[in-house]
Protein backbone atom coordinates (compact mmCIF):
# COMPACT_ATOMS: atom_id res chain seq x y z
CA UNK A 1 0.00 0.00 0.00
CA UNK A 2 1.48 3.34 -1.06
CA UNK A 3 1.85 6.07 1.55
CA UNK A 4 -0.84 8.74 1.82
CA UNK A 5 -0.49 12.49 2.28
CA UNK A 6 -3.51 14.13 3.91
CA UNK A 7 -3.37 17.62 2.41
CA UNK A 8 -5.23 20.91 2.65
CA UNK A 9 -5.14 24.39 4.08
CA UNK A 10 -4.38 25.07 7.73
CA UNK A 11 -7.37 24.18 9.89
CA UNK A 12 -8.80 21.59 7.50
CA UNK A 13 -8.13 18.74 9.93
CA UNK A 14 -5.07 17.16 8.34
CA UNK A 15 -3.53 15.95 11.61
CA UNK A 16 -6.77 14.65 13.10
CA UNK A 17 -7.88 12.91 9.91
CA UNK A 18 -4.37 11.63 9.20
CA UNK A 19 -4.05 10.05 12.64
CA UNK A 20 -7.51 8.47 12.34
CA UNK A 21 -6.76 7.16 8.84
CA UNK A 22 -3.41 5.71 9.93
CA UNK A 23 -5.08 3.98 12.85
CA UNK A 24 -7.79 2.57 10.57
CA UNK A 25 -5.20 1.31 8.06
CA UNK A 26 -2.81 0.16 10.81
CA UNK A 27 0.16 2.11 9.43
CA UNK A 28 2.52 4.72 10.93
CA UNK A 29 1.46 8.39 11.09
CA UNK A 30 3.58 11.54 10.99
CA UNK A 31 2.65 15.22 11.06
CA UNK A 32 4.56 17.49 8.68
CA UNK A 33 4.41 20.26 11.29
CA UNK A 34 6.95 18.23 13.27
CA UNK A 35 9.39 18.44 10.33
CA UNK A 36 9.51 22.26 10.21
CA UNK A 37 12.80 23.83 11.23
CA UNK A 38 12.55 26.40 14.05
CA UNK A 39 13.02 29.26 11.57
CA UNK A 40 9.85 28.26 9.70
CA UNK A 41 7.82 28.04 12.91
CA UNK A 42 9.10 31.45 14.04
CA UNK A 43 8.21 32.98 10.69
CA UNK A 44 4.66 31.59 10.73
CA UNK A 45 4.17 32.49 14.41
CA UNK A 46 5.08 36.07 13.49
CA UNK A 47 2.27 36.02 10.90
CA UNK A 48 4.43 35.66 7.80
CA UNK A 49 3.75 33.06 5.12
CA UNK A 50 6.53 30.70 4.16
CA UNK A 51 8.04 31.06 0.71
CA UNK A 52 9.21 28.27 -1.56
CA UNK A 53 12.81 28.55 -0.29
CA UNK A 54 11.54 27.99 3.27
CA UNK A 55 9.53 24.96 2.17
CA UNK A 56 12.10 23.19 -0.02
CA UNK A 57 14.19 21.49 2.72
CA UNK A 58 11.03 20.84 4.76
CA UNK A 59 9.40 19.07 1.79
CA UNK A 60 12.57 17.04 1.20
CA UNK A 61 12.41 15.79 4.81
CA UNK A 62 8.76 14.83 4.34
CA UNK A 63 9.56 13.12 1.03
CA UNK A 64 12.30 11.12 2.71
CA UNK A 65 9.83 9.95 5.38
CA UNK A 66 7.36 8.93 2.66
CA UNK A 67 10.07 7.00 0.80
CA UNK A 68 11.02 5.22 4.03
CA UNK A 69 7.34 4.26 4.42
CA UNK A 70 6.74 3.23 0.81
CA UNK A 71 4.89 0.13 2.05
CA UNK A 72 2.39 2.25 3.95
CA UNK A 73 2.17 5.31 6.12
CA UNK A 74 0.13 8.49 6.51
CA UNK A 75 1.61 11.99 6.58
CA UNK A 76 -0.35 15.17 7.20
CA UNK A 77 1.10 17.96 5.03
CA UNK A 78 -0.44 21.05 3.45
CA UNK A 79 1.05 20.23 -0.01
CA UNK A 80 -0.87 23.21 -1.40
CA UNK A 81 0.92 23.57 -4.75
CA UNK A 82 1.43 21.05 -7.50
CA UNK A 83 5.17 21.77 -7.37
CA UNK A 84 5.22 20.78 -3.67
CA UNK A 85 3.43 17.53 -4.45
CA UNK A 86 5.84 16.95 -7.35
CA UNK A 87 8.74 17.40 -4.92
CA UNK A 88 7.23 14.77 -2.63
CA UNK A 89 6.75 12.44 -5.63
CA UNK A 90 10.45 12.82 -6.48
CA UNK A 91 11.12 10.91 -3.25
CA UNK A 92 8.09 8.60 -3.39
CA UNK A 93 6.45 8.36 -6.85
CA UNK A 94 3.49 6.23 -5.70
CA UNK A 95 2.28 8.58 -2.94
CA UNK A 96 -1.49 9.08 -2.82
CA UNK A 97 -3.19 12.33 -1.72
CA UNK A 98 -6.31 12.90 0.32
CA UNK A 99 -7.29 16.56 -0.14
CA UNK A 100 -9.46 17.83 2.71
CA UNK A 101 -11.53 20.36 0.83
CA UNK A 102 -13.75 23.00 2.37
CA UNK A 103 -14.92 26.58 1.99
CA UNK A 104 -13.07 29.44 3.69
CA UNK A 105 -16.05 29.82 6.05
CA UNK A 106 -15.99 26.17 7.16
CA UNK A 107 -12.21 26.12 7.52
CA UNK A 108 -12.24 29.46 9.36
CA UNK A 109 -14.66 28.05 11.95
CA UNK A 110 -12.49 24.97 12.38
CA UNK A 111 -9.34 27.05 12.66
CA UNK A 112 -10.91 29.29 15.32
CA UNK A 113 -11.34 26.23 17.54
CA UNK A 114 -7.55 25.61 17.63
CA UNK A 115 -6.14 28.15 20.11
CA UNK A 116 -2.39 28.22 20.42
CA UNK A 117 -1.53 26.72 17.02
CA UNK A 118 1.49 28.42 15.43
CA UNK A 119 -0.37 29.13 12.17
CA UNK A 120 -2.46 32.25 12.80
CA UNK A 121 -5.94 32.57 11.30
CA UNK A 122 -4.74 35.71 9.50
CA UNK A 123 -2.82 33.50 7.05
CA UNK A 124 -5.89 31.50 5.99
CA UNK A 125 -6.59 33.74 2.98
CA UNK A 126 -3.03 33.26 1.71
CA UNK A 127 -3.42 29.49 2.08
CA UNK A 128 -6.51 29.51 -0.17
CA UNK A 129 -4.72 31.78 -2.68
CA UNK A 130 -1.83 29.31 -2.81
CA UNK A 131 -3.97 26.14 -2.99
CA UNK A 132 -3.81 24.30 -6.32
CA UNK A 133 -6.37 21.47 -6.25
CA UNK A 134 -5.32 18.00 -7.30
CA UNK A 135 -5.05 17.66 -11.07
CA UNK A 136 -6.58 14.77 -12.98
CA UNK A 137 -3.16 13.15 -13.43
CA UNK A 138 -2.37 13.12 -9.70
CA UNK A 139 -3.12 10.10 -7.51
CA UNK A 140 -5.66 11.24 -4.99
CA UNK A 141 -9.17 12.29 -4.09
CA UNK A 142 -10.97 15.30 -2.61
CA UNK A 143 -13.17 14.80 0.44
CA UNK A 144 -15.36 17.53 1.94
CA UNK A 145 -14.28 18.37 5.51
CA UNK A 146 -17.75 19.50 6.58
CA UNK A 147 -18.49 16.10 8.16
CA UNK A 148 -17.20 14.10 11.10
CA UNK A 149 -13.80 12.41 11.13
CA UNK A 150 -15.13 8.86 10.78
CA UNK A 151 -17.19 9.90 7.73
CA UNK A 152 -14.13 11.50 6.10
CA UNK A 153 -12.02 8.37 6.70
CA UNK A 154 -14.82 6.08 5.49
CA UNK A 155 -15.31 8.16 2.33
CA UNK A 156 -11.58 8.04 1.54
CA UNK A 157 -11.40 4.27 2.13
CA UNK A 158 -14.48 3.74 -0.06
CA UNK A 159 -13.30 6.03 -2.88
CA UNK A 160 -9.83 4.48 -3.01
CA UNK A 161 -10.90 0.91 -2.17
CA UNK A 162 -8.08 0.66 0.35
CA UNK A 163 -7.71 -2.76 1.91
CA UNK A 164 -8.15 -2.79 5.66
C-alpha atoms as a PDB file:
ATOM      1  CA  UNK A   1       0.000   0.000   0.000  1.00  0.00           C
ATOM      2  CA  UNK A   2       1.484   3.342  -1.056  1.00  0.00           C
ATOM      3  CA  UNK A   3       1.848   6.067   1.553  1.00  0.00           C
ATOM      4  CA  UNK A   4      -0.843   8.737   1.824  1.00  0.00           C
ATOM      5  CA  UNK A   5      -0.494  12.491   2.284  1.00  0.00           C
ATOM      6  CA  UNK A   6      -3.512  14.134   3.905  1.00  0.00           C
ATOM      7  CA  UNK A   7      -3.366  17.621   2.406  1.00  0.00           C
ATOM      8  CA  UNK A   8      -5.230  20.908   2.652  1.00  0.00           C
ATOM      9  CA  UNK A   9      -5.135  24.393   4.080  1.00  0.00           C
ATOM     10  CA  UNK A  10      -4.379  25.072   7.733  1.00  0.00           C
ATOM     11  CA  UNK A  11      -7.367  24.177   9.890  1.00  0.00           C
ATOM     12  CA  UNK A  12      -8.802  21.590   7.502  1.00  0.00           C
ATOM     13  CA  UNK A  13      -8.133  18.744   9.933  1.00  0.00           C
ATOM     14  CA  UNK A  14      -5.066  17.163   8.344  1.00  0.00           C
ATOM     15  CA  UNK A  15      -3.530  15.953  11.607  1.00  0.00           C
ATOM     16  CA  UNK A  16      -6.767  14.646  13.101  1.00  0.00           C
ATOM     17  CA  UNK A  17      -7.882  12.907   9.911  1.00  0.00           C
ATOM     18  CA  UNK A  18      -4.368  11.634   9.195  1.00  0.00           C
ATOM     19  CA  UNK A  19      -4.048  10.051  12.642  1.00  0.00           C
ATOM     20  CA  UNK A  20      -7.511   8.468  12.338  1.00  0.00           C
ATOM     21  CA  UNK A  21      -6.762   7.163   8.844  1.00  0.00           C
ATOM     22  CA  UNK A  22      -3.407   5.714   9.934  1.00  0.00           C
ATOM     23  CA  UNK A  23      -5.085   3.975  12.851  1.00  0.00           C
ATOM     24  CA  UNK A  24      -7.785   2.570  10.574  1.00  0.00           C
ATOM     25  CA  UNK A  25      -5.201   1.305   8.064  1.00  0.00           C
ATOM     26  CA  UNK A  26      -2.811   0.163  10.812  1.00  0.00           C
ATOM     27  CA  UNK A  27       0.161   2.105   9.432  1.00  0.00           C
ATOM     28  CA  UNK A  28       2.517   4.723  10.930  1.00  0.00           C
ATOM     29  CA  UNK A  29       1.460   8.391  11.089  1.00  0.00           C
ATOM     30  CA  UNK A  30       3.582  11.542  10.991  1.00  0.00           C
ATOM     31  CA  UNK A  31       2.653  15.215  11.064  1.00  0.00           C
ATOM     32  CA  UNK A  32       4.558  17.495   8.683  1.00  0.00           C
ATOM     33  CA  UNK A  33       4.410  20.260  11.287  1.00  0.00           C
ATOM     34  CA  UNK A  34       6.953  18.225  13.268  1.00  0.00           C
ATOM     35  CA  UNK A  35       9.388  18.436  10.327  1.00  0.00           C
ATOM     36  CA  UNK A  36       9.512  22.262  10.214  1.00  0.00           C
ATOM     37  CA  UNK A  37      12.801  23.830  11.233  1.00  0.00           C
ATOM     38  CA  UNK A  38      12.551  26.395  14.049  1.00  0.00           C
ATOM     39  CA  UNK A  39      13.023  29.261  11.573  1.00  0.00           C
ATOM     40  CA  UNK A  40       9.854  28.264   9.703  1.00  0.00           C
ATOM     41  CA  UNK A  41       7.823  28.042  12.906  1.00  0.00           C
ATOM     42  CA  UNK A  42       9.102  31.448  14.045  1.00  0.00           C
ATOM     43  CA  UNK A  43       8.214  32.979  10.690  1.00  0.00           C
ATOM     44  CA  UNK A  44       4.658  31.595  10.730  1.00  0.00           C
ATOM     45  CA  UNK A  45       4.167  32.492  14.407  1.00  0.00           C
ATOM     46  CA  UNK A  46       5.078  36.072  13.485  1.00  0.00           C
ATOM     47  CA  UNK A  47       2.271  36.021  10.899  1.00  0.00           C
ATOM     48  CA  UNK A  48       4.435  35.655   7.802  1.00  0.00           C
ATOM     49  CA  UNK A  49       3.749  33.064   5.119  1.00  0.00           C
ATOM     50  CA  UNK A  50       6.531  30.704   4.164  1.00  0.00           C
ATOM     51  CA  UNK A  51       8.044  31.059   0.711  1.00  0.00           C
ATOM     52  CA  UNK A  52       9.208  28.267  -1.558  1.00  0.00           C
ATOM     53  CA  UNK A  53      12.813  28.546  -0.288  1.00  0.00           C
ATOM     54  CA  UNK A  54      11.536  27.988   3.267  1.00  0.00           C
ATOM     55  CA  UNK A  55       9.531  24.963   2.170  1.00  0.00           C
ATOM     56  CA  UNK A  56      12.096  23.192  -0.023  1.00  0.00           C
ATOM     57  CA  UNK A  57      14.188  21.487   2.721  1.00  0.00           C
ATOM     58  CA  UNK A  58      11.027  20.840   4.762  1.00  0.00           C
ATOM     59  CA  UNK A  59       9.398  19.066   1.793  1.00  0.00           C
ATOM     60  CA  UNK A  60      12.568  17.036   1.204  1.00  0.00           C
ATOM     61  CA  UNK A  61      12.408  15.794   4.810  1.00  0.00           C
ATOM     62  CA  UNK A  62       8.762  14.831   4.343  1.00  0.00           C
ATOM     63  CA  UNK A  63       9.559  13.124   1.030  1.00  0.00           C
ATOM     64  CA  UNK A  64      12.299  11.118   2.713  1.00  0.00           C
ATOM     65  CA  UNK A  65       9.826   9.951   5.385  1.00  0.00           C
ATOM     66  CA  UNK A  66       7.365   8.933   2.661  1.00  0.00           C
ATOM     67  CA  UNK A  67      10.069   7.002   0.800  1.00  0.00           C
ATOM     68  CA  UNK A  68      11.022   5.224   4.031  1.00  0.00           C
ATOM     69  CA  UNK A  69       7.342   4.258   4.423  1.00  0.00           C
ATOM     70  CA  UNK A  70       6.740   3.229   0.812  1.00  0.00           C
ATOM     71  CA  UNK A  71       4.887   0.127   2.047  1.00  0.00           C
ATOM     72  CA  UNK A  72       2.388   2.252   3.950  1.00  0.00           C
ATOM     73  CA  UNK A  73       2.170   5.309   6.124  1.00  0.00           C
ATOM     74  CA  UNK A  74       0.132   8.489   6.505  1.00  0.00           C
ATOM     75  CA  UNK A  75       1.607  11.985   6.580  1.00  0.00           C
ATOM     76  CA  UNK A  76      -0.350  15.175   7.196  1.00  0.00           C
ATOM     77  CA  UNK A  77       1.099  17.955   5.033  1.00  0.00           C
ATOM     78  CA  UNK A  78      -0.442  21.045   3.449  1.00  0.00           C
ATOM     79  CA  UNK A  79       1.045  20.227  -0.011  1.00  0.00           C
ATOM     80  CA  UNK A  80      -0.875  23.209  -1.397  1.00  0.00           C
ATOM     81  CA  UNK A  81       0.918  23.567  -4.747  1.00  0.00           C
ATOM     82  CA  UNK A  82       1.433  21.048  -7.502  1.00  0.00           C
ATOM     83  CA  UNK A  83       5.173  21.773  -7.369  1.00  0.00           C
ATOM     84  CA  UNK A  84       5.221  20.776  -3.673  1.00  0.00           C
ATOM     85  CA  UNK A  85       3.432  17.529  -4.446  1.00  0.00           C
ATOM     86  CA  UNK A  86       5.838  16.948  -7.348  1.00  0.00           C
ATOM     87  CA  UNK A  87       8.738  17.398  -4.919  1.00  0.00           C
ATOM     88  CA  UNK A  88       7.226  14.767  -2.631  1.00  0.00           C
ATOM     89  CA  UNK A  89       6.748  12.436  -5.627  1.00  0.00           C
ATOM     90  CA  UNK A  90      10.447  12.821  -6.479  1.00  0.00           C
ATOM     91  CA  UNK A  91      11.115  10.909  -3.252  1.00  0.00           C
ATOM     92  CA  UNK A  92       8.089   8.604  -3.392  1.00  0.00           C
ATOM     93  CA  UNK A  93       6.452   8.355  -6.850  1.00  0.00           C
ATOM     94  CA  UNK A  94       3.493   6.232  -5.698  1.00  0.00           C
ATOM     95  CA  UNK A  95       2.280   8.579  -2.942  1.00  0.00           C
ATOM     96  CA  UNK A  96      -1.494   9.076  -2.820  1.00  0.00           C
ATOM     97  CA  UNK A  97      -3.187  12.330  -1.718  1.00  0.00           C
ATOM     98  CA  UNK A  98      -6.310  12.903   0.324  1.00  0.00           C
ATOM     99  CA  UNK A  99      -7.287  16.561  -0.138  1.00  0.00           C
ATOM    100  CA  UNK A 100      -9.456  17.827   2.712  1.00  0.00           C
ATOM    101  CA  UNK A 101     -11.534  20.364   0.825  1.00  0.00           C
ATOM    102  CA  UNK A 102     -13.754  23.002   2.374  1.00  0.00           C
ATOM    103  CA  UNK A 103     -14.916  26.582   1.993  1.00  0.00           C
ATOM    104  CA  UNK A 104     -13.066  29.442   3.689  1.00  0.00           C
ATOM    105  CA  UNK A 105     -16.045  29.815   6.046  1.00  0.00           C
ATOM    106  CA  UNK A 106     -15.991  26.169   7.164  1.00  0.00           C
ATOM    107  CA  UNK A 107     -12.207  26.120   7.522  1.00  0.00           C
ATOM    108  CA  UNK A 108     -12.241  29.456   9.363  1.00  0.00           C
ATOM    109  CA  UNK A 109     -14.663  28.047  11.948  1.00  0.00           C
ATOM    110  CA  UNK A 110     -12.494  24.972  12.376  1.00  0.00           C
ATOM    111  CA  UNK A 111      -9.335  27.054  12.663  1.00  0.00           C
ATOM    112  CA  UNK A 112     -10.908  29.293  15.315  1.00  0.00           C
ATOM    113  CA  UNK A 113     -11.336  26.227  17.539  1.00  0.00           C
ATOM    114  CA  UNK A 114      -7.553  25.610  17.630  1.00  0.00           C
ATOM    115  CA  UNK A 115      -6.138  28.149  20.105  1.00  0.00           C
ATOM    116  CA  UNK A 116      -2.385  28.219  20.416  1.00  0.00           C
ATOM    117  CA  UNK A 117      -1.530  26.716  17.020  1.00  0.00           C
ATOM    118  CA  UNK A 118       1.486  28.425  15.431  1.00  0.00           C
ATOM    119  CA  UNK A 119      -0.375  29.126  12.169  1.00  0.00           C
ATOM    120  CA  UNK A 120      -2.464  32.251  12.802  1.00  0.00           C
ATOM    121  CA  UNK A 121      -5.936  32.572  11.302  1.00  0.00           C
ATOM    122  CA  UNK A 122      -4.742  35.708   9.501  1.00  0.00           C
ATOM    123  CA  UNK A 123      -2.819  33.503   7.053  1.00  0.00           C
ATOM    124  CA  UNK A 124      -5.885  31.499   5.987  1.00  0.00           C
ATOM    125  CA  UNK A 125      -6.593  33.735   2.977  1.00  0.00           C
ATOM    126  CA  UNK A 126      -3.025  33.260   1.711  1.00  0.00           C
ATOM    127  CA  UNK A 127      -3.422  29.492   2.080  1.00  0.00           C
ATOM    128  CA  UNK A 128      -6.511  29.511  -0.167  1.00  0.00           C
ATOM    129  CA  UNK A 129      -4.716  31.777  -2.677  1.00  0.00           C
ATOM    130  CA  UNK A 130      -1.830  29.309  -2.808  1.00  0.00           C
ATOM    131  CA  UNK A 131      -3.966  26.138  -2.993  1.00  0.00           C
ATOM    132  CA  UNK A 132      -3.813  24.299  -6.319  1.00  0.00           C
ATOM    133  CA  UNK A 133      -6.369  21.469  -6.246  1.00  0.00           C
ATOM    134  CA  UNK A 134      -5.318  18.002  -7.302  1.00  0.00           C
ATOM    135  CA  UNK A 135      -5.046  17.659 -11.073  1.00  0.00           C
ATOM    136  CA  UNK A 136      -6.584  14.767 -12.980  1.00  0.00           C
ATOM    137  CA  UNK A 137      -3.161  13.145 -13.434  1.00  0.00           C
ATOM    138  CA  UNK A 138      -2.366  13.123  -9.695  1.00  0.00           C
ATOM    139  CA  UNK A 139      -3.121  10.096  -7.511  1.00  0.00           C
ATOM    140  CA  UNK A 140      -5.665  11.239  -4.986  1.00  0.00           C
ATOM    141  CA  UNK A 141      -9.172  12.294  -4.086  1.00  0.00           C
ATOM    142  CA  UNK A 142     -10.971  15.296  -2.606  1.00  0.00           C
ATOM    143  CA  UNK A 143     -13.171  14.797   0.443  1.00  0.00           C
ATOM    144  CA  UNK A 144     -15.358  17.530   1.940  1.00  0.00           C
ATOM    145  CA  UNK A 145     -14.282  18.366   5.511  1.00  0.00           C
ATOM    146  CA  UNK A 146     -17.748  19.498   6.580  1.00  0.00           C
ATOM    147  CA  UNK A 147     -18.488  16.099   8.157  1.00  0.00           C
ATOM    148  CA  UNK A 148     -17.196  14.103  11.101  1.00  0.00           C
ATOM    149  CA  UNK A 149     -13.798  12.414  11.130  1.00  0.00           C
ATOM    150  CA  UNK A 150     -15.131   8.863  10.779  1.00  0.00           C
ATOM    151  CA  UNK A 151     -17.186   9.902   7.732  1.00  0.00           C
ATOM    152  CA  UNK A 152     -14.130  11.502   6.102  1.00  0.00           C
ATOM    153  CA  UNK A 153     -12.023   8.370   6.703  1.00  0.00           C
ATOM    154  CA  UNK A 154     -14.822   6.084   5.491  1.00  0.00           C
ATOM    155  CA  UNK A 155     -15.312   8.157   2.330  1.00  0.00           C
ATOM    156  CA  UNK A 156     -11.583   8.037   1.543  1.00  0.00           C
ATOM    157  CA  UNK A 157     -11.398   4.274   2.134  1.00  0.00           C
ATOM    158  CA  UNK A 158     -14.480   3.739  -0.058  1.00  0.00           C
ATOM    159  CA  UNK A 159     -13.302   6.027  -2.876  1.00  0.00           C
ATOM    160  CA  UNK A 160      -9.831   4.482  -3.005  1.00  0.00           C
ATOM    161  CA  UNK A 161     -10.897   0.910  -2.168  1.00  0.00           C
ATOM    162  CA  UNK A 162      -8.081   0.661   0.354  1.00  0.00           C
ATOM    163  CA  UNK A 163      -7.714  -2.760   1.913  1.00  0.00           C
ATOM    164  CA  UNK A 164      -8.151  -2.794   5.660  1.00  0.00           C
END
